Protein backbone atom coordinates (compact mmCIF):
# COMPACT_ATOMS: atom_id res chain seq x y z
CA MET A 1 0.52 -50.86 46.36
CA THR A 2 2.94 -47.98 46.46
CA GLN A 3 3.12 -45.44 49.04
CA ARG A 4 2.43 -42.45 46.76
CA PRO A 5 -0.67 -41.51 44.62
CA ILE A 6 -1.02 -43.23 41.27
CA ILE A 7 -1.35 -40.17 38.82
CA LEU A 8 -3.34 -40.78 35.48
CA GLY A 9 -3.33 -37.79 32.70
CA ILE A 10 -6.22 -37.71 30.24
CA VAL A 11 -5.42 -35.19 27.94
CA GLY A 12 -7.25 -34.00 24.60
CA ASP A 13 -9.02 -30.90 22.70
CA SER A 14 -12.38 -29.55 24.09
CA ALA A 15 -14.84 -32.00 24.14
CA ALA A 16 -13.00 -34.96 23.32
CA GLY A 17 -14.50 -37.12 25.94
CA LYS A 18 -12.25 -36.60 28.68
CA THR A 19 -14.98 -36.05 31.80
CA THR A 20 -16.98 -39.07 30.32
CA LEU A 21 -13.61 -41.31 30.41
CA THR A 22 -12.78 -40.15 33.82
CA LYS A 23 -16.13 -40.84 35.23
CA GLY A 24 -16.30 -44.49 34.77
CA ILE A 25 -12.36 -45.10 35.70
CA ALA A 26 -13.14 -43.21 38.96
CA GLN A 27 -16.01 -45.21 39.66
CA PHE A 28 -14.30 -48.35 39.16
CA LEU A 29 -11.57 -47.42 41.16
CA GLY A 30 -13.81 -46.14 44.03
CA ALA A 31 -14.89 -42.43 44.50
CA GLU A 32 -13.38 -42.68 47.87
CA ASN A 33 -9.88 -43.50 46.41
CA VAL A 34 -9.87 -41.11 43.56
CA THR A 35 -9.09 -37.19 43.46
CA VAL A 36 -10.14 -35.74 40.04
CA ILE A 37 -8.30 -32.58 38.85
CA CYS A 38 -8.99 -30.30 35.83
CA THR A 39 -5.99 -28.57 34.46
CA ASP A 40 -8.46 -25.99 32.75
CA ASP A 41 -8.43 -24.57 36.68
CA TYR A 42 -4.95 -23.14 35.88
CA HIS A 43 -6.08 -20.56 33.09
CA ARG A 44 -4.52 -17.17 33.68
CA TYR A 45 -7.22 -15.26 32.39
CA ASP A 46 -11.19 -15.40 32.74
CA ARG A 47 -13.56 -15.54 29.82
CA LYS A 48 -13.92 -12.08 29.34
CA GLN A 49 -10.05 -11.08 29.69
CA ARG A 50 -9.37 -13.87 27.24
CA ALA A 51 -11.86 -12.14 24.50
CA ASP A 52 -10.29 -8.88 25.38
CA LEU A 53 -6.67 -9.95 24.74
CA GLY A 54 -7.83 -12.14 21.97
CA ILE A 55 -6.14 -15.06 23.18
CA THR A 56 -7.89 -18.64 23.59
CA ALA A 57 -7.94 -21.14 26.63
CA LEU A 58 -5.61 -23.54 24.38
CA HIS A 59 -2.92 -21.20 24.27
CA PRO A 60 0.37 -22.26 26.67
CA ASP A 61 0.44 -18.15 27.86
CA CYS A 62 -3.12 -18.46 28.77
CA ASN A 63 -2.36 -20.74 31.67
CA TYR A 64 0.08 -21.05 34.71
CA LEU A 65 1.76 -24.28 33.44
CA ASP A 66 4.46 -23.35 35.88
CA ILE A 67 2.07 -23.64 38.76
CA MET A 68 0.56 -26.76 37.27
CA GLN A 69 3.43 -28.52 36.90
CA GLN A 70 4.58 -27.43 40.70
CA HIS A 71 1.14 -28.72 41.80
CA LEU A 72 1.38 -32.08 39.85
CA SER A 73 5.00 -32.70 41.39
CA LEU A 74 3.69 -32.02 44.83
CA LEU A 75 0.83 -34.55 44.29
CA ARG A 76 3.13 -37.11 42.99
CA THR A 77 4.94 -37.03 46.50
CA GLY A 78 1.39 -37.17 48.33
CA GLN A 79 1.41 -33.35 49.38
CA PRO A 80 -1.65 -31.31 49.56
CA ILE A 81 -2.04 -28.34 47.16
CA LEU A 82 -4.35 -25.10 46.87
CA LYS A 83 -5.41 -25.64 43.35
CA PRO A 84 -7.44 -22.41 41.69
CA ILE A 85 -11.06 -23.23 40.39
CA TYR A 86 -12.44 -21.91 36.90
CA SER A 87 -16.05 -22.33 36.31
CA HIS A 88 -16.97 -23.15 32.73
CA LYS A 89 -20.54 -22.26 33.58
CA THR A 90 -19.68 -18.71 34.36
CA GLY A 91 -16.13 -18.07 32.91
CA THR A 92 -14.87 -16.61 35.92
CA PHE A 93 -12.66 -17.65 38.94
CA GLU A 94 -13.97 -19.17 42.40
CA ALA A 95 -12.40 -19.48 45.71
CA PRO A 96 -9.21 -22.09 45.57
CA GLU A 97 -9.83 -25.41 46.86
CA TYR A 98 -7.52 -27.22 49.38
CA ILE A 99 -7.03 -30.86 48.08
CA LYS A 100 -5.20 -33.77 49.62
CA PRO A 101 -4.50 -36.61 46.94
CA ASN A 102 -6.12 -39.85 47.61
CA LYS A 103 -4.53 -43.31 46.41
CA PHE A 104 -5.37 -42.24 42.66
CA VAL A 105 -5.10 -38.89 40.95
CA ILE A 106 -6.66 -38.33 37.55
CA VAL A 107 -5.72 -35.23 35.96
CA GLU A 108 -7.64 -34.29 32.79
CA GLY A 109 -7.36 -31.12 30.69
CA LEU A 110 -6.09 -29.24 27.81
CA LEU A 111 -2.48 -28.87 28.21
CA GLY A 112 -1.61 -31.63 30.86
CA TYR A 113 1.60 -32.83 28.84
CA SER A 114 3.10 -29.76 27.69
CA THR A 115 6.02 -29.30 29.73
CA ARG A 116 8.49 -32.03 30.49
CA ILE A 117 8.06 -31.49 34.50
CA ALA A 118 4.20 -32.18 34.00
CA ARG A 119 4.88 -35.21 31.65
CA ASP A 120 7.14 -36.83 34.64
CA ALA A 121 4.49 -36.62 37.15
CA TYR A 122 2.31 -39.27 35.33
CA ASP A 123 2.27 -42.94 35.86
CA VAL A 124 0.05 -43.48 32.86
CA LYS A 125 -0.80 -40.92 30.07
CA VAL A 126 -3.77 -41.30 27.84
CA TYR A 127 -4.71 -38.96 25.02
CA LEU A 128 -8.08 -38.52 23.67
CA ALA A 129 -8.35 -37.96 19.56
CA PRO A 130 -11.74 -38.48 18.20
CA PRO A 131 -12.04 -37.45 14.41
CA GLU A 132 -12.62 -33.97 14.01
CA ASP A 133 -16.31 -33.92 12.75
CA LEU A 134 -17.35 -36.11 15.61
CA ARG A 135 -15.69 -33.85 18.22
CA THR A 136 -17.40 -30.90 16.65
CA LYS A 137 -20.91 -32.64 17.25
CA TRP A 138 -19.95 -33.49 20.78
CA LYS A 139 -18.93 -29.84 21.38
CA ILE A 140 -21.95 -28.23 19.95
CA ARG A 141 -24.32 -30.43 22.03
CA ARG A 142 -22.27 -29.97 25.32
CA ASP A 143 -21.84 -26.09 24.97
CA THR A 144 -25.38 -25.32 23.82
CA GLN A 145 -26.99 -27.75 26.48
CA LYS A 146 -24.71 -26.95 29.45
CA ARG A 147 -22.88 -23.65 28.96
CA GLY A 148 -25.62 -21.80 27.21
CA TYR A 149 -23.87 -20.80 23.99
CA SER A 150 -25.84 -20.73 20.24
CA GLU A 151 -24.53 -23.27 17.65
CA GLU A 152 -23.17 -20.26 15.79
CA GLN A 153 -21.21 -19.33 18.95
CA VAL A 154 -19.82 -22.80 19.14
CA LEU A 155 -18.43 -23.09 15.57
CA ALA A 156 -16.99 -19.43 15.53
CA GLU A 157 -14.90 -20.47 18.78
CA MET A 158 -14.07 -23.39 17.44
CA GLN A 159 -12.40 -21.63 14.48
CA LYS A 160 -10.97 -19.06 16.37
CA ARG A 161 -9.31 -21.92 18.25
CA GLU A 162 -8.42 -24.12 15.51
CA SER A 163 -4.69 -22.63 15.18
CA ASP A 164 -3.81 -23.13 18.88
CA SER A 165 -5.55 -26.63 18.70
CA GLU A 166 -2.70 -27.54 16.03
CA SER A 167 -0.03 -26.04 17.41
CA PHE A 168 -0.74 -26.70 21.28
CA ILE A 169 -3.02 -29.50 21.65
CA ARG A 170 -2.74 -32.33 19.23
CA PRO A 171 1.10 -32.40 19.27
CA GLN A 172 0.66 -33.70 22.71
CA ARG A 173 -0.23 -37.07 21.50
CA GLN A 174 3.51 -38.19 20.88
CA TRP A 175 3.82 -38.32 24.94
CA ALA A 176 0.78 -40.80 25.29
CA ASP A 177 1.07 -44.14 26.39
CA ILE A 178 -2.35 -44.91 24.89
CA VAL A 179 -3.98 -43.16 22.33
CA VAL A 180 -7.81 -43.50 22.57
CA THR A 181 -10.10 -42.63 19.47
CA PHE A 182 -13.75 -43.22 19.43
CA TYR A 183 -15.17 -43.39 16.04
CA PRO A 184 -18.58 -44.14 14.17
CA ALA A 185 -18.76 -47.35 12.08
CA ALA A 186 -18.96 -46.94 8.27
CA ASP A 187 -22.59 -48.26 8.13
CA ASP A 188 -23.57 -45.72 10.84
CA PRO A 189 -21.80 -42.50 10.12
CA GLU A 190 -24.10 -40.23 12.07
CA ALA A 191 -23.44 -42.21 15.29
CA THR A 192 -22.37 -39.80 18.27
CA SER A 193 -22.81 -41.74 21.59
CA GLY A 194 -23.46 -45.38 22.68
CA SER A 195 -22.88 -46.91 19.07
CA LEU A 196 -19.20 -46.04 18.55
CA ASN A 197 -16.34 -48.28 17.91
CA VAL A 198 -12.94 -47.45 19.63
CA ARG A 199 -9.32 -47.95 18.60
CA LEU A 200 -6.68 -48.05 21.15
CA ILE A 201 -3.27 -47.39 20.09
CA LEU A 202 -0.81 -49.28 22.69
CA ARG A 203 2.80 -47.81 22.77
CA PRO A 204 5.65 -49.81 24.35
CA ASN A 205 6.09 -47.36 26.97
CA ILE A 206 4.39 -49.17 29.39
CA PRO A 207 3.79 -52.89 29.52
CA HIS A 208 0.39 -54.03 28.22
CA PRO A 209 -1.40 -57.45 28.93
CA ASP A 210 -0.81 -60.04 26.27
CA LEU A 211 -4.36 -59.74 24.80
CA SER A 212 -3.26 -62.20 21.84
CA GLN A 213 -4.64 -64.77 23.98
CA VAL A 214 -8.17 -63.88 23.89
CA VAL A 215 -8.44 -61.73 20.77
CA THR A 216 -7.74 -62.57 17.06
CA THR A 217 -4.76 -61.07 15.76
CA ASP A 218 -5.41 -62.34 12.09
CA PRO A 219 -4.99 -59.10 10.02
CA SER A 220 -7.44 -60.87 7.46
CA ASP A 221 -10.15 -61.13 10.01
CA THR A 222 -12.19 -58.00 9.66
CA THR A 223 -15.27 -59.83 11.06
CA SER A 224 -14.44 -60.03 14.52
CA ALA A 225 -15.71 -57.58 16.95
CA VAL A 226 -12.17 -57.38 19.13
CA ARG A 227 -9.03 -57.28 16.95
CA LEU A 228 -5.38 -56.98 17.93
CA GLY A 229 -3.06 -55.81 15.28
CA LEU A 230 0.25 -53.99 14.26
CA GLY A 231 0.22 -50.23 13.23
CA ARG A 232 2.45 -46.99 13.35
CA ASP A 233 1.47 -44.00 14.89
CA MET A 234 3.37 -40.70 14.30
CA GLY A 235 6.28 -43.10 12.75
CA LYS A 236 6.55 -45.48 15.59
CA PRO A 237 5.49 -49.12 15.81
CA VAL A 238 2.45 -49.72 18.10
CA ASP A 239 -0.10 -52.29 18.71
CA VAL A 240 -3.81 -51.55 17.86
CA LEU A 241 -6.55 -52.75 19.62
CA GLU A 242 -9.97 -52.49 17.67
CA ILE A 243 -13.55 -52.79 19.82
CA ASP A 244 -16.43 -52.59 17.36
CA ARG A 245 -19.74 -51.51 19.01
CA HIS A 246 -21.55 -54.50 17.75
CA ALA A 247 -19.16 -56.60 20.34
CA THR A 248 -21.20 -59.29 22.38
CA GLY A 249 -21.49 -59.29 26.12
CA GLU A 250 -19.81 -63.06 25.94
CA GLN A 251 -16.98 -61.34 23.90
CA VAL A 252 -16.75 -58.17 26.37
CA ALA A 253 -16.72 -60.45 29.60
CA GLN A 254 -14.07 -62.62 28.37
CA LEU A 255 -11.79 -59.56 27.73
CA GLU A 256 -12.80 -58.25 30.87
CA HIS A 257 -11.68 -61.17 32.97
CA PHE A 258 -8.55 -61.89 31.26
CA ILE A 259 -7.53 -58.36 31.95
CA CYS A 260 -8.80 -58.45 35.58
CA GLY A 261 -7.32 -61.71 36.16
CA ASP A 262 -3.88 -60.44 35.84
CA ILE A 263 -4.76 -58.63 39.28
CA PRO A 264 -6.21 -61.41 41.46
CA HIS A 265 -8.29 -59.27 43.92
CA LEU A 266 -10.01 -57.61 40.78
CA LEU A 267 -11.88 -60.68 39.69
CA ASN A 268 -14.52 -60.30 42.35
CA VAL A 269 -15.58 -56.64 41.00
CA CYS A 270 -14.54 -57.05 37.62
CA ASN A 271 -18.19 -56.97 35.99
CA ARG A 272 -20.43 -54.02 35.08
CA GLU A 273 -22.95 -54.97 37.47
CA MET A 274 -20.86 -53.94 40.43
CA ASN A 275 -19.64 -51.00 38.37
CA PRO A 276 -22.53 -49.45 36.94
CA GLU A 277 -20.76 -46.07 35.39
CA LEU A 278 -18.66 -48.42 33.44
CA GLY A 279 -19.42 -47.44 29.68
CA LYS A 280 -22.33 -45.20 30.45
CA VAL A 281 -22.49 -42.19 28.01
CA THR A 282 -25.41 -39.71 27.48
CA GLY A 283 -27.37 -39.83 24.24
CA THR A 284 -28.25 -37.15 21.81
CA THR A 285 -31.44 -36.37 23.84
CA GLY A 286 -30.05 -36.92 27.12
CA GLU A 287 -30.64 -40.46 27.79
CA THR A 288 -28.38 -42.77 29.36
CA LEU A 289 -26.69 -45.18 26.99
CA GLN A 290 -24.29 -48.43 27.51
CA SER A 291 -21.43 -48.43 25.36
CA TYR A 292 -19.16 -51.93 25.49
CA PRO A 293 -16.17 -50.33 23.84
CA LEU A 294 -16.23 -47.30 26.22
CA ALA A 295 -16.57 -49.98 29.10
CA LEU A 296 -13.72 -51.73 27.89
CA THR A 297 -11.48 -48.39 27.53
CA GLN A 298 -12.27 -47.37 31.07
CA LEU A 299 -11.50 -51.04 32.35
CA PHE A 300 -8.03 -51.14 30.38
CA ILE A 301 -6.84 -47.66 31.49
CA ALA A 302 -8.03 -48.48 35.39
CA PHE A 303 -6.13 -51.94 35.11
CA HIS A 304 -2.78 -49.78 33.98
CA MET A 305 -3.33 -47.64 37.15
CA LEU A 306 -3.53 -50.79 39.27
CA LYS A 307 -0.32 -52.27 37.93
CA ALA A 308 1.43 -49.15 38.34
CA GLY A 309 0.65 -49.15 41.68
CA GLN A 310 2.35 -52.28 42.08
CA GLY A 311 5.33 -51.44 40.18
CA TYR A 312 4.30 -53.22 36.97
CA SER A 313 5.21 -56.47 38.88
């Protein structure tokens, strides 16, 4: 393991699933080994000030990106930071927090890849890109249940933010090593939680495990629940890993053990019984559901963090 912290970036629009993805990865790596940071804490204005100024939280001018990138550079060298705290519940700032980085640092938020200096701080970069209609459902559910908004207020705010999403959030996809898209199956278009498929776009920026040994690579095979193929993303060639919601426990276990087998000391912990948060997602009525596509996505990203710590040897 390298002596400096390994830093993972998870970027995506509001309610794209960043926190859910982060939770399982942190649990797998061990909470005592992980520092989680949200770049939303670097907002320049509180909620009332943003409304008065007519600016959204997604605009770079609404964030201290210079301080964010400075803090990321410090964390990469293992140094502590005095991080601001923004409360999504109250829309105001709280007292800053003194943070010393652990072995792993997960940085999630809206504008994490918006500057070159910030991008250089990450070992692994992930971008979340759910279909917009699905993200809308997630945002309505979260903001009405946890942040006190009405559905009408959420939709109005999303409309207000759309221009900034298009200009500043979505372009960050180009910098990601892995693009994650959870989406409903064609025969269940209303699925929103534990019954989603996932598509992982794997860019050659970092070395990925050779999954062709355990999953089908036949482009004509549309029945297999786990498939690896070739594609293009933003005009560049990529590998595409598809994991359907109906993947069996046996298929999932085979892929899990293949991924973990590349790091021998992981074999004794590479299972969901010892990592109960892997693949856990909250349903529409607050129930906890198990998603194999989510579990494998979290495991795959955690694998990359561990390999980065070994220098991708």
